[in-house]
Every structure is written in C-alpha cells, then in structure tokens.
Amino acid sequence: MDEHVGLTGCDDYDLIWTMLERGATVRVLERPLYNYRDHGEERLSLRSREAQIRDLEKVFDKHAVRGDARSALRQLHAEWFGEPVHVVFERRARAAASR
C-alpha cells in the first residue's frame, strides 16, 4: 500500500494499477470471491467526496494519467465517492427501472 496516495478507498485502485505496471496478470471473475461488509460505522470509503477525489488525483499523478483519460476516469469513479455501495447500487437500479 502506498500511503502517499491516501487512504479513502482509492488505494485499492492504485494497488491493481501498480501490480499491472510491474507485470502482474489479473482477471475479472464472473462471481465474487468475497462480500465486503458495508455498514454505517466510520469507514475510510465514507470520507468526504472531496477527500476521495483528491486521493484519486494523487493516483492519477502517480501513474501519469493526463487529459481526456483523466477526466473520463474521474467521472467514472466519482459517483461512488462519499456514499455506501448499496446506496449507489439502489440508485442505479431505480434509474434502470425507470427507463
């Protein structure tokens, strides 16, 4: 873990990115191997949106992400910041159902 990128959840993103840059092989699996507990107590992933975006920007700096790619990745991840995972999933499900 690179503490320089912060500890608000973006460190997980940095870990995979760093592993790939160093030659690791990763694969997306069709089924989850574990359930990450989502609860209302104090958690790093529930820190302020602004703190999480700052940490994501540090990850982008570390991995030399610039321009349009940086903007697109920021927009892709921003909806998850500052809210529990189940809240985002419920919002997405409601939006899909209303289409």
PDB file of N, CA and C in Angstrom:
ATOM      1  N   MET A   1       0.842  -1.175   0.000  1.00  0.00           N
ATOM      2  CA  MET A   1       0.000   0.000   0.000  1.00  0.00           C
ATOM      3  C   MET A   1       0.887   1.238   0.000  1.00  0.00           C
ATOM      4  N   ASP A   2       0.569   2.175  -0.862  1.00  0.00           N
ATOM      5  CA  ASP A   2       1.303   3.431  -0.959  1.00  0.00           C
ATOM      6  C   ASP A   2       0.517   4.496  -0.196  1.00  0.00           C
ATOM      7  N   GLU A   3       0.960   4.828   0.990  1.00  0.00           N
ATOM      8  CA  GLU A   3       0.242   5.795   1.821  1.00  0.00           C
ATOM      9  C   GLU A   3       0.246   7.199   1.234  1.00  0.00           C
ATOM     10  N   HIS A   4       1.100   7.453   0.253  1.00  0.00           N
ATOM     11  CA  HIS A   4       1.141   8.779  -0.372  1.00  0.00           C
ATOM     12  C   HIS A   4      -0.099   9.074  -1.212  1.00  0.00           C
ATOM     13  N   VAL A   5      -0.799   8.038  -1.652  1.00  0.00           N
ATOM     14  CA  VAL A   5      -1.997   8.274  -2.462  1.00  0.00           C
ATOM     15  C   VAL A   5      -3.239   8.447  -1.610  1.00  0.00           C
ATOM     16  N   GLY A   6      -3.118   8.296  -0.309  1.00  0.00           N
ATOM     17  CA  GLY A   6      -4.257   8.484   0.579  1.00  0.00           C
ATOM     18  C   GLY A   6      -4.909   7.165   0.933  1.00  0.00           C
ATOM     19  N   LEU A   7      -5.855   7.255   1.834  1.00  0.00           N
ATOM     20  CA  LEU A   7      -6.484   6.043   2.366  1.00  0.00           C
ATOM     21  C   LEU A   7      -8.005   6.133   2.337  1.00  0.00           C
ATOM     22  N   THR A   8      -8.571   6.733   1.309  1.00  0.00           N
ATOM     23  CA  THR A   8     -10.028   6.886   1.267  1.00  0.00           C
ATOM     24  C   THR A   8     -10.700   5.906   0.316  1.00  0.00           C
ATOM     25  N   GLY A   9     -10.020   4.851  -0.054  1.00  0.00           N
ATOM     26  CA  GLY A   9     -10.612   3.873  -0.964  1.00  0.00           C
ATOM     27  C   GLY A   9      -9.892   3.799  -2.293  1.00  0.00           C
ATOM     28  N   CYS A  10      -9.282   4.895  -2.710  1.00  0.00           N
ATOM     29  CA  CYS A  10      -8.558   4.920  -3.984  1.00  0.00           C
ATOM     30  C   CYS A  10      -7.296   4.079  -3.930  1.00  0.00           C
ATOM     31  N   ASP A  11      -6.842   3.755  -2.722  1.00  0.00           N
ATOM     32  CA  ASP A  11      -5.638   2.935  -2.590  1.00  0.00           C
ATOM     33  C   ASP A  11      -5.852   1.550  -3.209  1.00  0.00           C
ATOM     34  N   ASP A  12      -7.083   1.037  -3.201  1.00  0.00           N
ATOM     35  CA  ASP A  12      -7.360  -0.245  -3.854  1.00  0.00           C
ATOM     36  C   ASP A  12      -7.135  -0.135  -5.359  1.00  0.00           C
ATOM     37  N   TYR A  13      -7.584   0.956  -5.932  1.00  0.00           N
ATOM     38  CA  TYR A  13      -7.413   1.219  -7.352  1.00  0.00           C
ATOM     39  C   TYR A  13      -5.922   1.313  -7.676  1.00  0.00           C
ATOM     40  N   ASP A  14      -5.177   1.988  -6.826  1.00  0.00           N
ATOM     41  CA  ASP A  14      -3.734   2.137  -7.017  1.00  0.00           C
ATOM     42  C   ASP A  14      -3.025   0.784  -6.952  1.00  0.00           C
ATOM     43  N   LEU A  15      -3.449  -0.089  -6.058  1.00  0.00           N
ATOM     44  CA  LEU A  15      -2.804  -1.395  -5.905  1.00  0.00           C
ATOM     45  C   LEU A  15      -2.855  -2.194  -7.205  1.00  0.00           C
ATOM     46  N   ILE A  16      -4.030  -2.321  -7.800  1.00  0.00           N
ATOM     47  CA  ILE A  16      -4.168  -3.077  -9.050  1.00  0.00           C
ATOM     48  C   ILE A  16      -3.347  -2.425 -10.158  1.00  0.00           C
ATOM     49  N   TRP A  17      -3.420  -1.109 -10.254  1.00  0.00           N
ATOM     50  CA  TRP A  17      -2.695  -0.381 -11.287  1.00  0.00           C
ATOM     51  C   TRP A  17      -1.188  -0.625 -11.159  1.00  0.00           C
ATOM     52  N   THR A  18      -0.663  -0.534  -9.937  1.00  0.00           N
ATOM     53  CA  THR A  18       0.758  -0.757  -9.685  1.00  0.00           C
ATOM     54  C   THR A  18       1.150  -2.191 -10.034  1.00  0.00           C
ATOM     55  N   MET A  19       0.313  -3.141  -9.671  1.00  0.00           N
ATOM     56  CA  MET A  19       0.607  -4.541  -9.994  1.00  0.00           C
ATOM     57  C   MET A  19       0.692  -4.745 -11.506  1.00  0.00           C
ATOM     58  N   LEU A  20      -0.238  -4.168 -12.248  1.00  0.00           N
ATOM     59  CA  LEU A  20      -0.218  -4.290 -13.707  1.00  0.00           C
ATOM     60  C   LEU A  20       1.033  -3.651 -14.301  1.00  0.00           C
ATOM     61  N   GLU A  21       1.412  -2.485 -13.797  1.00  0.00           N
ATOM     62  CA  GLU A  21       2.615  -1.814 -14.297  1.00  0.00           C
ATOM     63  C   GLU A  21       3.875  -2.638 -14.049  1.00  0.00           C
ATOM     64  N   ARG A  22       3.829  -3.477 -13.045  1.00  0.00           N
ATOM     65  CA  ARG A  22       5.001  -4.306 -12.704  1.00  0.00           C
ATOM     66  C   ARG A  22       4.920  -5.710 -13.288  1.00  0.00           C
ATOM     67  N   GLY A  23       3.965  -5.923 -14.191  1.00  0.00           N
ATOM     68  CA  GLY A  23       3.918  -7.179 -14.921  1.00  0.00           C
ATOM     69  C   GLY A  23       2.978  -8.242 -14.390  1.00  0.00           C
ATOM     70  N   ALA A  24       2.189  -7.926 -13.390  1.00  0.00           N
ATOM     71  CA  ALA A  24       1.242  -8.911 -12.861  1.00  0.00           C
ATOM     72  C   ALA A  24       0.140  -9.180 -13.883  1.00  0.00           C
ATOM     73  N   THR A  25      -0.460 -10.320 -13.771  1.00  0.00           N
ATOM     74  CA  THR A  25      -1.605 -10.681 -14.598  1.00  0.00           C
ATOM     75  C   THR A  25      -2.833 -10.690 -13.700  1.00  0.00           C
ATOM     76  N   VAL A  26      -3.895 -10.040 -14.147  1.00  0.00           N
ATOM     77  CA  VAL A  26      -5.140 -10.023 -13.382  1.00  0.00           C
ATOM     78  C   VAL A  26      -6.276 -10.477 -14.288  1.00  0.00           C
ATOM     79  N   ARG A  27      -7.346 -10.902 -13.673  1.00  0.00           N
ATOM     80  CA  ARG A  27      -8.506 -11.350 -14.433  1.00  0.00           C
ATOM     81  C   ARG A  27      -9.768 -10.932 -13.690  1.00  0.00           C
ATOM     82  N   VAL A  28     -10.778 -10.523 -14.426  1.00  0.00           N
ATOM     83  CA  VAL A  28     -12.079 -10.217 -13.839  1.00  0.00           C
ATOM     84  C   VAL A  28     -12.847 -11.532 -13.754  1.00  0.00           C
ATOM     85  N   LEU A  29     -13.339 -11.837 -12.576  1.00  0.00           N
ATOM     86  CA  LEU A  29     -14.069 -13.083 -12.358  1.00  0.00           C
ATOM     87  C   LEU A  29     -15.565 -12.857 -12.486  1.00  0.00           C
ATOM     88  N   GLU A  30     -16.268 -13.890 -12.881  1.00  0.00           N
ATOM     89  CA  GLU A  30     -17.714 -13.778 -13.076  1.00  0.00           C
ATOM     90  C   GLU A  30     -18.490 -13.744 -11.773  1.00  0.00           C
ATOM     91  N   ARG A  31     -17.906 -14.247 -10.712  1.00  0.00           N
ATOM     92  CA  ARG A  31     -18.612 -14.250  -9.430  1.00  0.00           C
ATOM     93  C   ARG A  31     -17.689 -13.694  -8.352  1.00  0.00           C
ATOM     94  N   PRO A  32     -18.266 -13.063  -7.353  1.00  0.00           N
ATOM     95  CA  PRO A  32     -17.433 -12.506  -6.282  1.00  0.00           C
ATOM     96  C   PRO A  32     -16.811 -13.614  -5.439  1.00  0.00           C
ATOM     97  N   LEU A  33     -15.611 -13.356  -4.969  1.00  0.00           N
ATOM     98  CA  LEU A  33     -14.934 -14.300  -4.082  1.00  0.00           C
ATOM     99  C   LEU A  33     -15.155 -13.948  -2.621  1.00  0.00           C
ATOM    100  N   TYR A  34     -15.617 -12.735  -2.369  1.00  0.00           N
ATOM    101  CA  TYR A  34     -15.914 -12.330  -1.000  1.00  0.00           C
ATOM    102  C   TYR A  34     -16.922 -11.198  -1.038  1.00  0.00           C
ATOM    103  N   ASN A  35     -17.603 -10.981   0.069  1.00  0.00           N
ATOM    104  CA  ASN A  35     -18.511  -9.849   0.236  1.00  0.00           C
ATOM    105  C   ASN A  35     -17.857  -8.871   1.181  1.00  0.00           C
ATOM    106  N   TYR A  36     -17.642  -7.671   0.700  1.00  0.00           N
ATOM    107  CA  TYR A  36     -17.079  -6.641   1.547  1.00  0.00           C
ATOM    108  C   TYR A  36     -18.205  -6.090   2.399  1.00  0.00           C
ATOM    109  N   ARG A  37     -18.030  -6.128   3.684  1.00  0.00           N
ATOM    110  CA  ARG A  37     -19.088  -5.679   4.599  1.00  0.00           C
ATOM    111  C   ARG A  37     -19.323  -4.181   4.422  1.00  0.00           C
ATOM    112  N   ASP A  38     -20.565  -3.813   4.248  1.00  0.00           N
ATOM    113  CA  ASP A  38     -20.955  -2.415   4.090  1.00  0.00           C
ATOM    114  C   ASP A  38     -21.814  -2.042   5.290  1.00  0.00           C
ATOM    115  N   HIS A  39     -21.316  -1.162   6.129  1.00  0.00           N
ATOM    116  CA  HIS A  39     -22.050  -0.786   7.335  1.00  0.00           C
ATOM    117  C   HIS A  39     -21.977   0.721   7.530  1.00  0.00           C
ATOM    118  N   GLY A  40     -22.754   1.221   8.462  1.00  0.00           N
ATOM    119  CA  GLY A  40     -22.864   2.654   8.665  1.00  0.00           C
ATOM    120  C   GLY A  40     -21.834   3.261   9.592  1.00  0.00           C
ATOM    121  N   GLU A  41     -20.948   2.450  10.156  1.00  0.00           N
ATOM    122  CA  GLU A  41     -19.942   2.994  11.065  1.00  0.00           C
ATOM    123  C   GLU A  41     -18.873   3.753  10.288  1.00  0.00           C
ATOM    124  N   GLU A  42     -17.952   4.362  11.003  1.00  0.00           N
ATOM    125  CA  GLU A  42     -16.869   5.120  10.377  1.00  0.00           C
ATOM    126  C   GLU A  42     -16.042   4.215   9.467  1.00  0.00           C
ATOM    127  N   ARG A  43     -15.920   4.618   8.231  1.00  0.00           N
ATOM    128  CA  ARG A  43     -15.118   3.880   7.252  1.00  0.00           C
ATOM    129  C   ARG A  43     -14.394   4.879   6.381  1.00  0.00           C
ATOM    130  N   LEU A  44     -13.244   4.477   5.897  1.00  0.00           N
ATOM    131  CA  LEU A  44     -12.485   5.359   5.017  1.00  0.00           C
ATOM    132  C   LEU A  44     -13.251   5.680   3.747  1.00  0.00           C
ATOM    133  N   SER A  45     -14.008   4.719   3.219  1.00  0.00           N
ATOM    134  CA  SER A  45     -14.730   4.949   1.973  1.00  0.00           C
ATOM    135  C   SER A  45     -15.899   5.912   2.135  1.00  0.00           C
ATOM    136  N   LEU A  46     -16.240   6.266   3.369  1.00  0.00           N
ATOM    137  CA  LEU A  46     -17.309   7.241   3.588  1.00  0.00           C
ATOM    138  C   LEU A  46     -16.758   8.620   3.936  1.00  0.00           C
ATOM    139  N   ARG A  47     -15.479   8.806   3.761  1.00  0.00           N
ATOM    140  CA  ARG A  47     -14.911  10.138   3.955  1.00  0.00           C
ATOM    141  C   ARG A  47     -15.497  11.063   2.900  1.00  0.00           C
ATOM    142  N   SER A  48     -15.242  12.319   3.040  1.00  0.00           N
ATOM    143  CA  SER A  48     -15.873  13.288   2.137  1.00  0.00           C
ATOM    144  C   SER A  48     -15.520  13.016   0.677  1.00  0.00           C
ATOM    145  N   ARG A  49     -16.459  13.368  -0.167  1.00  0.00           N
ATOM    146  CA  ARG A  49     -16.255  13.262  -1.618  1.00  0.00           C
ATOM    147  C   ARG A  49     -14.988  13.977  -2.044  1.00  0.00           C
ATOM    148  N   GLU A  50     -14.792  15.161  -1.491  1.00  0.00           N
ATOM    149  CA  GLU A  50     -13.634  15.973  -1.864  1.00  0.00           C
ATOM    150  C   GLU A  50     -12.328  15.263  -1.514  1.00  0.00           C
ATOM    151  N   ALA A  51     -12.262  14.645  -0.330  1.00  0.00           N
ATOM    152  CA  ALA A  51     -11.048  13.925   0.080  1.00  0.00           C
ATOM    153  C   ALA A  51     -10.792  12.737  -0.847  1.00  0.00           C
ATOM    154  N   GLN A  52     -11.843  12.045  -1.229  1.00  0.00           N
ATOM    155  CA  GLN A  52     -11.672  10.894  -2.115  1.00  0.00           C
ATOM    156  C   GLN A  52     -11.218  11.325  -3.505  1.00  0.00           C
ATOM    157  N   ILE A  53     -11.761  12.419  -4.003  1.00  0.00           N
ATOM    158  CA  ILE A  53     -11.339  12.919  -5.315  1.00  0.00           C
ATOM    159  C   ILE A  53      -9.885  13.379  -5.259  1.00  0.00           C
ATOM    160  N   ARG A  54      -9.482  14.027  -4.170  1.00  0.00           N
ATOM    161  CA  ARG A  54      -8.068  14.421  -4.019  1.00  0.00           C
ATOM    162  C   ARG A  54      -7.157  13.200  -4.059  1.00  0.00           C
ATOM    163  N   ASP A  55      -7.555  12.140  -3.375  1.00  0.00           N
ATOM    164  CA  ASP A  55      -6.738  10.922  -3.380  1.00  0.00           C
ATOM    165  C   ASP A  55      -6.704  10.276  -4.763  1.00  0.00           C
ATOM    166  N   LEU A  56      -7.826  10.295  -5.468  1.00  0.00           N
ATOM    167  CA  LEU A  56      -7.838   9.755  -6.828  1.00  0.00           C
ATOM    168  C   LEU A  56      -6.898  10.555  -7.721  1.00  0.00           C
ATOM    169  N   GLU A  57      -6.883  11.870  -7.551  1.00  0.00           N
ATOM    170  CA  GLU A  57      -5.967  12.716  -8.329  1.00  0.00           C
ATOM    171  C   GLU A  57      -4.508  12.335  -8.047  1.00  0.00           C
ATOM    172  N   LYS A  58      -4.203  11.960  -6.807  1.00  0.00           N
ATOM    173  CA  LYS A  58      -2.840  11.510  -6.471  1.00  0.00           C
ATOM    174  C   LYS A  58      -2.501  10.215  -7.209  1.00  0.00           C
ATOM    175  N   VAL A  59      -3.473   9.314  -7.310  1.00  0.00           N
ATOM    176  CA  VAL A  59      -3.257   8.075  -8.063  1.00  0.00           C
ATOM    177  C   VAL A  59      -2.997   8.408  -9.527  1.00  0.00           C
ATOM    178  N   PHE A  60      -3.784   9.319 -10.088  1.00  0.00           N
ATOM    179  CA  PHE A  60      -3.578   9.726 -11.481  1.00  0.00           C
ATOM    180  C   PHE A  60      -2.191  10.331 -11.676  1.00  0.00           C
ATOM    181  N   ASP A  61      -1.766  11.169 -10.743  1.00  0.00           N
ATOM    182  CA  ASP A  61      -0.425  11.753 -10.833  1.00  0.00           C
ATOM    183  C   ASP A  61       0.640  10.664 -10.814  1.00  0.00           C
ATOM    184  N   LYS A  62       0.501   9.727  -9.894  1.00  0.00           N
ATOM    185  CA  LYS A  62       1.487   8.646  -9.741  1.00  0.00           C
ATOM    186  C   LYS A  62       1.621   7.826 -11.022  1.00  0.00           C
ATOM    187  N   HIS A  63       0.513   7.600 -11.705  1.00  0.00           N
ATOM    188  CA  HIS A  63       0.511   6.736 -12.884  1.00  0.00           C
ATOM    189  C   HIS A  63       0.453   7.535 -14.190  1.00  0.00           C
ATOM    190  N   ALA A  64       0.746   8.828 -14.108  1.00  0.00           N
ATOM    191  CA  ALA A  64       0.862   9.709 -15.282  1.00  0.00           C
ATOM    192  C   ALA A  64      -0.385   9.705 -16.163  1.00  0.00           C
ATOM    193  N   VAL A  65      -1.552   9.765 -15.540  1.00  0.00           N
ATOM    194  CA  VAL A  65      -2.812   9.852 -16.284  1.00  0.00           C
ATOM    195  C   VAL A  65      -3.099  11.327 -16.526  1.00  0.00           C
ATOM    196  N   ARG A  66      -3.288  11.694 -17.765  1.00  0.00           N
ATOM    197  CA  ARG A  66      -3.458  13.096 -18.132  1.00  0.00           C
ATOM    198  C   ARG A  66      -4.661  13.286 -19.064  1.00  0.00           C
ATOM    199  N   GLY A  67      -5.036  14.532 -19.251  1.00  0.00           N
ATOM    200  CA  GLY A  67      -6.000  14.939 -20.266  1.00  0.00           C
ATOM    201  C   GLY A  67      -7.354  14.269 -20.200  1.00  0.00           C
ATOM    202  N   ASP A  68      -7.833  13.862 -21.397  1.00  0.00           N
ATOM    203  CA  ASP A  68      -9.171  13.280 -21.519  1.00  0.00           C
ATOM    204  C   ASP A  68      -9.319  11.987 -20.718  1.00  0.00           C
ATOM    205  N   ALA A  69      -8.260  11.191 -20.677  1.00  0.00           N
ATOM    206  CA  ALA A  69      -8.323   9.935 -19.912  1.00  0.00           C
ATOM    207  C   ALA A  69      -8.547  10.227 -18.433  1.00  0.00           C
ATOM    208  N   ARG A  70      -7.872  11.241 -17.937  1.00  0.00           N
ATOM    209  CA  ARG A  70      -8.017  11.619 -16.525  1.00  0.00           C
ATOM    210  C   ARG A  70      -9.445  12.067 -16.236  1.00  0.00           C
ATOM    211  N   SER A  71      -9.987  12.918 -17.090  1.00  0.00           N
ATOM    212  CA  SER A  71     -11.362  13.409 -16.909  1.00  0.00           C
ATOM    213  C   SER A  71     -12.373  12.270 -16.967  1.00  0.00           C
ATOM    214  N   ALA A  72     -12.196  11.366 -17.928  1.00  0.00           N
ATOM    215  CA  ALA A  72     -13.129  10.250 -18.081  1.00  0.00           C
ATOM    216  C   ALA A  72     -13.087   9.324 -16.869  1.00  0.00           C
ATOM    217  N   LEU A  73     -11.899   9.018 -16.370  1.00  0.00           N
ATOM    218  CA  LEU A  73     -11.778   8.146 -15.197  1.00  0.00           C
ATOM    219  C   LEU A  73     -12.341   8.814 -13.948  1.00  0.00           C
ATOM    220  N   ARG A  74     -12.105  10.112 -13.787  1.00  0.00           N
ATOM    221  CA  ARG A  74     -12.647  10.840 -12.632  1.00  0.00           C
ATOM    222  C   ARG A  74     -14.172  10.771 -12.650  1.00  0.00           C
ATOM    223  N   GLN A  75     -14.762  11.009 -13.805  1.00  0.00           N
ATOM    224  CA  GLN A  75     -16.222  10.973 -13.919  1.00  0.00           C
ATOM    225  C   GLN A  75     -16.759   9.564 -13.662  1.00  0.00           C
ATOM    226  N   LEU A  76     -16.074   8.550 -14.154  1.00  0.00           N
ATOM    227  CA  LEU A  76     -16.495   7.165 -13.970  1.00  0.00           C
ATOM    228  C   LEU A  76     -16.539   6.773 -12.497  1.00  0.00           C
ATOM    229  N   HIS A  77     -15.567   7.226 -11.723  1.00  0.00           N
ATOM    230  CA  HIS A  77     -15.460   6.820 -10.323  1.00  0.00           C
ATOM    231  C   HIS A  77     -16.189   7.744  -9.348  1.00  0.00           C
ATOM    232  N   ALA A  78     -16.466   8.963  -9.738  1.00  0.00           N
ATOM    233  CA  ALA A  78     -16.977   9.970  -8.807  1.00  0.00           C
ATOM    234  C   ALA A  78     -18.312   9.597  -8.161  1.00  0.00           C
ATOM    235  N   GLU A  79     -19.171   8.873  -8.854  1.00  0.00           N
ATOM    236  CA  GLU A  79     -20.488   8.566  -8.270  1.00  0.00           C
ATOM    237  C   GLU A  79     -20.381   7.661  -7.045  1.00  0.00           C
ATOM    238  N   TRP A  80     -19.262   6.972  -6.871  1.00  0.00           N
ATOM    239  CA  TRP A  80     -19.085   6.051  -5.748  1.00  0.00           C
ATOM    240  C   TRP A  80     -18.544   6.739  -4.508  1.00  0.00           C
ATOM    241  N   PHE A  81     -18.076   7.962  -4.641  1.00  0.00           N
ATOM    242  CA  PHE A  81     -17.398   8.628  -3.532  1.00  0.00           C
ATOM    243  C   PHE A  81     -18.386   9.224  -2.544  1.00  0.00           C
ATOM    244  N   GLY A  82     -18.156   8.959  -1.272  1.00  0.00           N
ATOM    245  CA  GLY A  82     -18.941   9.565  -0.207  1.00  0.00           C
ATOM    246  C   GLY A  82     -20.253   8.886   0.107  1.00  0.00           C
ATOM    247  N   GLU A  83     -20.508   7.728  -0.522  1.00  0.00           N
ATOM    248  CA  GLU A  83     -21.753   7.012  -0.251  1.00  0.00           C
ATOM    249  C   GLU A  83     -21.473   5.522  -0.107  1.00  0.00           C
ATOM    250  N   PRO A  84     -22.265   4.839   0.711  1.00  0.00           N
ATOM    251  CA  PRO A  84     -22.119   3.384   0.803  1.00  0.00           C
ATOM    252  C   PRO A  84     -22.442   2.732  -0.542  1.00  0.00           C
ATOM    253  N   VAL A  85     -21.817   1.615  -0.808  1.00  0.00           N
ATOM    254  CA  VAL A  85     -22.006   0.908  -2.072  1.00  0.00           C
ATOM    255  C   VAL A  85     -23.478   0.592  -2.324  1.00  0.00           C
ATOM    256  N   HIS A  86     -24.193   0.145  -1.286  1.00  0.00           N
ATOM    257  CA  HIS A  86     -25.598  -0.234  -1.501  1.00  0.00           C
ATOM    258  C   HIS A  86     -26.449   0.958  -1.933  1.00  0.00           C
ATOM    259  N   VAL A  87     -26.112   2.154  -1.505  1.00  0.00           N
ATOM    260  CA  VAL A  87     -26.865   3.349  -1.903  1.00  0.00           C
ATOM    261  C   VAL A  87     -26.683   3.604  -3.400  1.00  0.00           C
ATOM    262  N   VAL A  88     -25.460   3.482  -3.882  1.00  0.00           N
ATOM    263  CA  VAL A  88     -25.194   3.684  -5.311  1.00  0.00           C
ATOM    264  C   VAL A  88     -25.893   2.606  -6.135  1.00  0.00           C
ATOM    265  N   PHE A  89     -25.807   1.349  -5.697  1.00  0.00           N
ATOM    266  CA  PHE A  89     -26.479   0.266  -6.415  1.00  0.00           C
ATOM    267  C   PHE A  89     -27.985   0.491  -6.474  1.00  0.00           C
ATOM    268  N   GLU A  90     -28.591   0.912  -5.371  1.00  0.00           N
ATOM    269  CA  GLU A  90     -30.035   1.166  -5.353  1.00  0.00           C
ATOM    270  C   GLU A  90     -30.399   2.306  -6.300  1.00  0.00           C
ATOM    271  N   ARG A  91     -29.611   3.368  -6.305  1.00  0.00           N
ATOM    272  CA  ARG A  91     -29.862   4.493  -7.210  1.00  0.00           C
ATOM    273  C   ARG A  91     -29.766   4.041  -8.664  1.00  0.00           C
ATOM    274  N   ARG A  92     -28.754   3.241  -8.973  1.00  0.00           N
ATOM    275  CA  ARG A  92     -28.600   2.728 -10.340  1.00  0.00           C
ATOM    276  C   ARG A  92     -29.778   1.825 -10.725  1.00  0.00           C
ATOM    277  N   ALA A  93     -30.232   0.995  -9.799  1.00  0.00           N
ATOM    278  CA  ALA A  93     -31.355   0.095 -10.078  1.00  0.00           C
ATOM    279  C   ALA A  93     -32.631   0.889 -10.349  1.00  0.00           C
ATOM    280  N   ARG A  94     -32.879   1.927  -9.551  1.00  0.00           N
ATOM    281  CA  ARG A  94     -34.064   2.777  -9.771  1.00  0.00           C
ATOM    282  C   ARG A  94     -33.989   3.467 -11.129  1.00  0.00           C
ATOM    283  N   ALA A  95     -32.810   3.964 -11.483  1.00  0.00           N
ATOM    284  CA  ALA A  95     -32.643   4.639 -12.774  1.00  0.00           C
ATOM    285  C   ALA A  95     -32.878   3.666 -13.927  1.00  0.00           C
ATOM    286  N   ALA A  96     -32.369   2.451 -13.801  1.00  0.00           N
ATOM    287  CA  ALA A  96     -32.554   1.447 -14.852  1.00  0.00           C
ATOM    288  C   ALA A  96     -34.025   1.050 -14.974  1.00  0.00           C
ATOM    289  N   ALA A  97     -34.717   0.946 -13.847  1.00  0.00           N
ATOM    290  CA  ALA A  97     -36.130   0.555 -13.859  1.00  0.00           C
ATOM    291  C   ALA A  97     -37.015   1.633 -14.471  1.00  0.00           C
ATOM    292  N   SER A  98     -36.608   2.882 -14.363  1.00  0.00           N
ATOM    293  CA  SER A  98     -37.430   3.977 -14.885  1.00  0.00           C
ATOM    294  C   SER A  98     -37.205   4.223 -16.375  1.00  0.00           C
ATOM    295  N   ARG A  99     -36.274   3.529 -16.970  1.00  0.00           N
ATOM    296  CA  ARG A  99     -36.022   3.708 -18.421  1.00  0.00           C
ATOM    297  C   ARG A  99     -37.006   2.967 -19.252  1.00  0.00           C
TER     298      ARG A  99
END
